[in-house]
Amino acid sequence: MVFTRHKYLVLLMKLSISGKQIDTGEALQSHVRQALEGTVGKYFDHALEGSVQFSRDAHLLRCDITVHARRGIFMQAEAAAEDAYLSFDRALERIGKRLRRYKRRLRDHNAAAASEIESVAVQQFVLRGESEDSGEAQPEPDRLEPVVIAEMQMPLHTLTVGEAVMRMDLTGDAAMMFRNSAHGGLNMVYRRTDGNIGWVDPRNLNRSLNG
């Protein structure tokens, strides 16, 4: 089964559309599928899977979009608006802007079959944050013992610095750890509060942005 839009041929991805206390009727689901595949299909012949979730955010409706386009290529965006259509359109617009920003690199990625990028599985933990708004005085602990509230596996990719920045931007994450393809050491890129990107290279062997 195929879907055509704006001269692009897109194989239908495995797409999940859901709502938390929100009715996602046939019209909304059709709009989501066509618009999402039309945007993603400009850059990928066949995305693997995607999910779109609607939920309530105070008096607004929130939309969270996640697309797994290729191995190691994830895209995420969210937005809130007065209705479900508008929140989806705004979130999709953010994904579209990020894809246009990396148009050349994504096409090179497809042409070079970069979906075979080397990666290993590592453990990721979510630690409970300290709340300052509980309203009650909390005793100071004798030792700082972080409380693990979630544990999961994540891929650690071997990338150039430029590729790592692109992937972090596509997902909207605040930071990304990766193995630098220039020397094999662990590196990290992250978003600075001034809007720029920070790059941590403990080995300090390569000072230029590759790729």
Protein backbone atom coordinates (compact mmCIF):
# COMPACT_ATOMS: atom_id res chain seq x y z
CA MET A 1 0.00 0.00 0.00
CA VAL A 2 1.40 3.39 -0.94
CA PHE A 3 0.54 7.01 -0.36
CA THR A 4 1.45 9.85 -2.73
CA ARG A 5 1.75 13.49 -1.73
CA HIS A 6 3.49 16.41 -3.41
CA LYS A 7 5.33 14.12 -5.86
CA TYR A 8 6.83 12.03 -3.04
CA LEU A 9 6.22 8.29 -2.82
CA VAL A 10 6.00 7.08 0.75
CA LEU A 11 5.55 3.53 1.99
CA LEU A 12 3.15 3.69 4.90
CA MET A 13 5.06 3.48 8.17
CA LYS A 14 3.82 1.65 11.22
CA LEU A 15 2.05 4.54 12.93
CA SER A 16 0.32 4.65 16.31
CA ILE A 17 -2.13 7.49 17.01
CA SER A 18 -3.58 7.70 20.51
CA GLY A 19 -5.20 10.11 22.91
CA LYS A 20 -5.35 10.38 26.70
CA GLN A 21 -8.95 11.30 27.51
CA ILE A 22 -9.16 12.70 23.97
CA ASP A 23 -11.12 11.26 21.06
CA THR A 24 -8.91 10.82 18.00
CA GLY A 25 -11.57 10.32 15.37
CA GLU A 26 -11.12 9.13 11.81
CA ALA A 27 -10.77 12.64 10.39
CA LEU A 28 -7.98 13.59 12.81
CA GLN A 29 -6.14 10.30 12.28
CA SER A 30 -6.32 10.71 8.50
CA HIS A 31 -4.95 14.26 8.77
CA VAL A 32 -2.12 13.10 11.04
CA ARG A 33 -1.10 10.20 8.80
CA GLN A 34 -1.13 12.16 5.55
CA ALA A 35 0.66 15.21 6.93
CA LEU A 36 3.30 13.22 8.82
CA GLU A 37 4.09 10.90 5.93
CA GLY A 38 4.16 13.85 3.52
CA THR A 39 6.76 15.67 5.66
CA VAL A 40 8.94 12.68 6.53
CA GLY A 41 8.67 11.22 3.03
CA LYS A 42 10.60 14.15 1.56
CA TYR A 43 13.72 12.85 3.28
CA PHE A 44 13.17 9.11 3.85
CA ASP A 45 11.71 6.61 1.39
CA HIS A 46 10.33 4.49 4.19
CA ALA A 47 10.31 5.48 7.85
CA LEU A 48 10.24 2.52 10.22
CA GLU A 49 7.60 3.60 12.72
CA GLY A 50 6.06 6.59 14.41
CA SER A 51 3.72 7.56 17.20
CA VAL A 52 1.50 10.57 17.78
CA GLN A 53 -0.07 11.07 21.19
CA PHE A 54 -2.58 13.73 22.21
CA SER A 55 -3.12 14.71 25.84
CA ARG A 56 -4.50 17.57 27.90
CA ASP A 57 -2.14 20.25 29.15
CA ALA A 58 -4.13 22.56 31.44
CA HIS A 59 -6.64 24.28 29.10
CA LEU A 60 -4.68 23.29 25.98
CA LEU A 61 -4.28 20.10 23.97
CA ARG A 62 -0.73 18.77 23.69
CA CYS A 63 0.66 16.70 20.84
CA ASP A 64 3.83 14.59 21.08
CA ILE A 65 5.31 13.21 17.86
CA THR A 66 8.04 10.56 17.68
CA VAL A 67 9.35 9.11 14.40
CA HIS A 68 11.93 6.34 14.00
CA ALA A 69 13.07 7.04 10.45
CA ARG A 70 16.18 4.87 10.23
CA ARG A 71 18.38 2.94 12.61
CA GLY A 72 19.79 5.63 14.88
CA ILE A 73 17.64 8.41 13.38
CA PHE A 74 14.84 9.50 15.70
CA MET A 75 12.80 12.68 15.56
CA GLN A 76 10.72 14.10 18.39
CA ALA A 77 8.69 17.27 18.79
CA GLU A 78 5.79 18.52 20.88
CA ALA A 79 3.44 21.48 20.90
CA ALA A 80 0.29 22.65 22.66
CA ALA A 81 -2.63 24.61 21.22
CA GLU A 82 -6.35 25.22 21.56
CA ASP A 83 -7.30 22.18 19.47
CA ALA A 84 -5.76 18.87 18.44
CA TYR A 85 -5.26 19.78 14.77
CA LEU A 86 -3.36 22.95 15.59
CA SER A 87 -1.16 21.30 18.22
CA PHE A 88 -0.24 18.53 15.76
CA ASP A 89 0.47 20.98 12.95
CA ARG A 90 2.75 23.03 15.19
CA ALA A 91 4.67 19.97 16.39
CA LEU A 92 5.03 18.71 12.81
CA GLU A 93 6.25 22.13 11.70
CA ARG A 94 9.10 21.84 14.20
CA ILE A 95 10.08 18.46 12.79
CA GLY A 96 9.93 19.89 9.27
CA LYS A 97 12.24 22.79 10.17
CA ARG A 98 14.79 20.41 11.68
CA LEU A 99 14.67 18.15 8.65
CA ARG A 100 15.19 21.08 6.27
CA ARG A 101 18.16 22.21 8.36
CA TYR A 102 19.88 18.86 7.77
CA LYS A 103 18.53 18.16 4.28
CA ARG A 104 21.94 17.52 2.67
CA ARG A 105 23.25 15.37 5.50
CA LEU A 106 20.10 13.26 5.60
CA ARG A 107 20.30 12.61 1.87
CA ASP A 108 23.97 11.69 2.21
CA HIS A 109 22.94 9.42 5.10
CA ASN A 110 20.50 7.55 2.85
CA ALA A 111 22.87 7.34 -0.10
CA ALA A 112 25.68 5.94 2.04
CA ALA A 113 23.41 3.45 3.82
CA ALA A 114 24.50 4.94 7.13
CA SER A 115 21.79 2.97 8.88
CA GLU A 116 24.55 0.48 9.63
CA ILE A 117 26.28 2.88 12.00
CA GLU A 118 28.12 0.99 14.71
CA SER A 119 26.46 1.08 18.11
CA VAL A 120 26.42 -0.77 21.40
CA ALA A 121 23.71 -0.98 24.08
CA VAL A 122 24.34 0.84 27.36
CA GLN A 123 22.28 1.31 30.51
CA GLN A 124 20.45 4.59 31.11
CA PHE A 125 19.00 5.58 34.47
CA VAL A 126 16.46 8.20 35.51
CA LEU A 127 17.09 9.67 38.95
CA ARG A 128 14.43 11.29 41.09
CA GLY A 129 14.87 15.05 41.28
CA GLU A 130 14.78 16.99 44.53
CA SER A 131 11.64 19.08 44.92
CA GLU A 132 11.94 22.54 46.46
CA ASP A 133 8.19 23.14 46.58
CA SER A 134 6.99 20.45 48.96
CA GLY A 135 6.10 23.04 51.61
CA GLU A 136 7.72 21.01 54.36
CA ALA A 137 11.23 21.19 55.73
CA GLN A 138 13.15 18.08 54.76
CA PRO A 139 16.01 16.74 56.88
CA GLU A 140 19.41 16.99 55.25
CA PRO A 141 20.62 13.49 54.32
CA ASP A 142 23.92 12.22 55.70
CA ARG A 143 24.91 11.12 52.21
CA LEU A 144 23.66 12.04 48.77
CA GLU A 145 22.12 8.80 47.57
CA PRO A 146 20.35 9.21 44.21
CA VAL A 147 17.09 7.33 43.88
CA VAL A 148 16.71 5.43 40.60
CA ILE A 149 13.11 5.62 39.35
CA ALA A 150 13.65 4.11 35.87
CA GLU A 151 16.22 2.01 34.07
CA MET A 152 16.44 1.31 30.36
CA GLN A 153 18.80 0.45 27.55
CA MET A 154 19.87 2.98 24.94
CA PRO A 155 22.21 2.75 21.93
CA LEU A 156 25.63 4.37 22.09
CA HIS A 157 26.49 5.26 18.49
CA THR A 158 29.86 5.83 16.87
CA LEU A 159 29.47 9.23 15.16
CA THR A 160 31.24 12.36 14.06
CA VAL A 161 30.57 15.43 16.18
CA GLY A 162 28.44 16.90 13.41
CA GLU A 163 26.30 13.77 13.22
CA ALA A 164 25.82 13.78 16.99
CA VAL A 165 24.67 17.42 16.93
CA MET A 166 22.22 16.63 14.12
CA ARG A 167 20.72 13.65 15.97
CA MET A 168 20.42 15.61 19.21
CA ASP A 169 18.66 18.42 17.36
CA LEU A 170 16.25 16.06 15.61
CA THR A 171 15.16 14.53 18.91
CA GLY A 172 15.12 17.82 20.82
CA ASP A 173 17.17 16.22 23.61
CA ALA A 174 19.27 18.37 25.92
CA ALA A 175 22.40 16.21 25.56
CA MET A 176 23.81 13.21 23.70
CA MET A 177 26.68 10.90 24.54
CA PHE A 178 28.43 9.12 21.66
CA ARG A 179 31.68 7.47 20.65
CA ASN A 180 33.75 9.82 18.52
CA SER A 181 34.52 8.12 15.20
CA ALA A 182 37.77 10.12 14.92
CA HIS A 183 39.45 8.43 17.87
CA GLY A 184 36.99 6.03 19.54
CA GLY A 185 36.70 7.97 22.81
CA LEU A 186 33.47 8.89 24.59
CA ASN A 187 32.21 12.41 23.85
CA MET A 188 29.13 14.44 24.69
CA VAL A 189 27.31 17.33 23.02
CA TYR A 190 24.75 19.39 24.90
CA ARG A 191 22.62 22.52 24.65
CA ARG A 192 23.99 25.58 26.40
CA THR A 193 21.74 28.17 28.01
CA ASP A 194 23.03 30.77 25.51
CA GLY A 195 21.62 28.75 22.60
CA ASN A 196 24.94 27.36 21.42
CA ILE A 197 26.07 23.72 21.49
CA GLY A 198 28.69 22.53 23.97
CA TRP A 199 31.06 19.70 23.10
CA VAL A 200 32.92 17.66 25.72
CA ASP A 201 35.92 15.64 24.48
CA PRO A 202 37.98 14.26 27.40
CA ARG A 203 40.74 13.12 25.06
CA ASN A 204 40.93 16.52 23.41
CA LEU A 205 42.38 15.03 20.23
CA ASN A 206 40.13 16.60 17.63
CA ARG A 207 39.03 20.22 17.82
CA SER A 208 37.09 20.47 14.55
CA LEU A 209 33.49 19.52 13.84
CA ASN A 210 33.61 16.55 11.50
CA GLY A 211 30.92 15.57 9.02
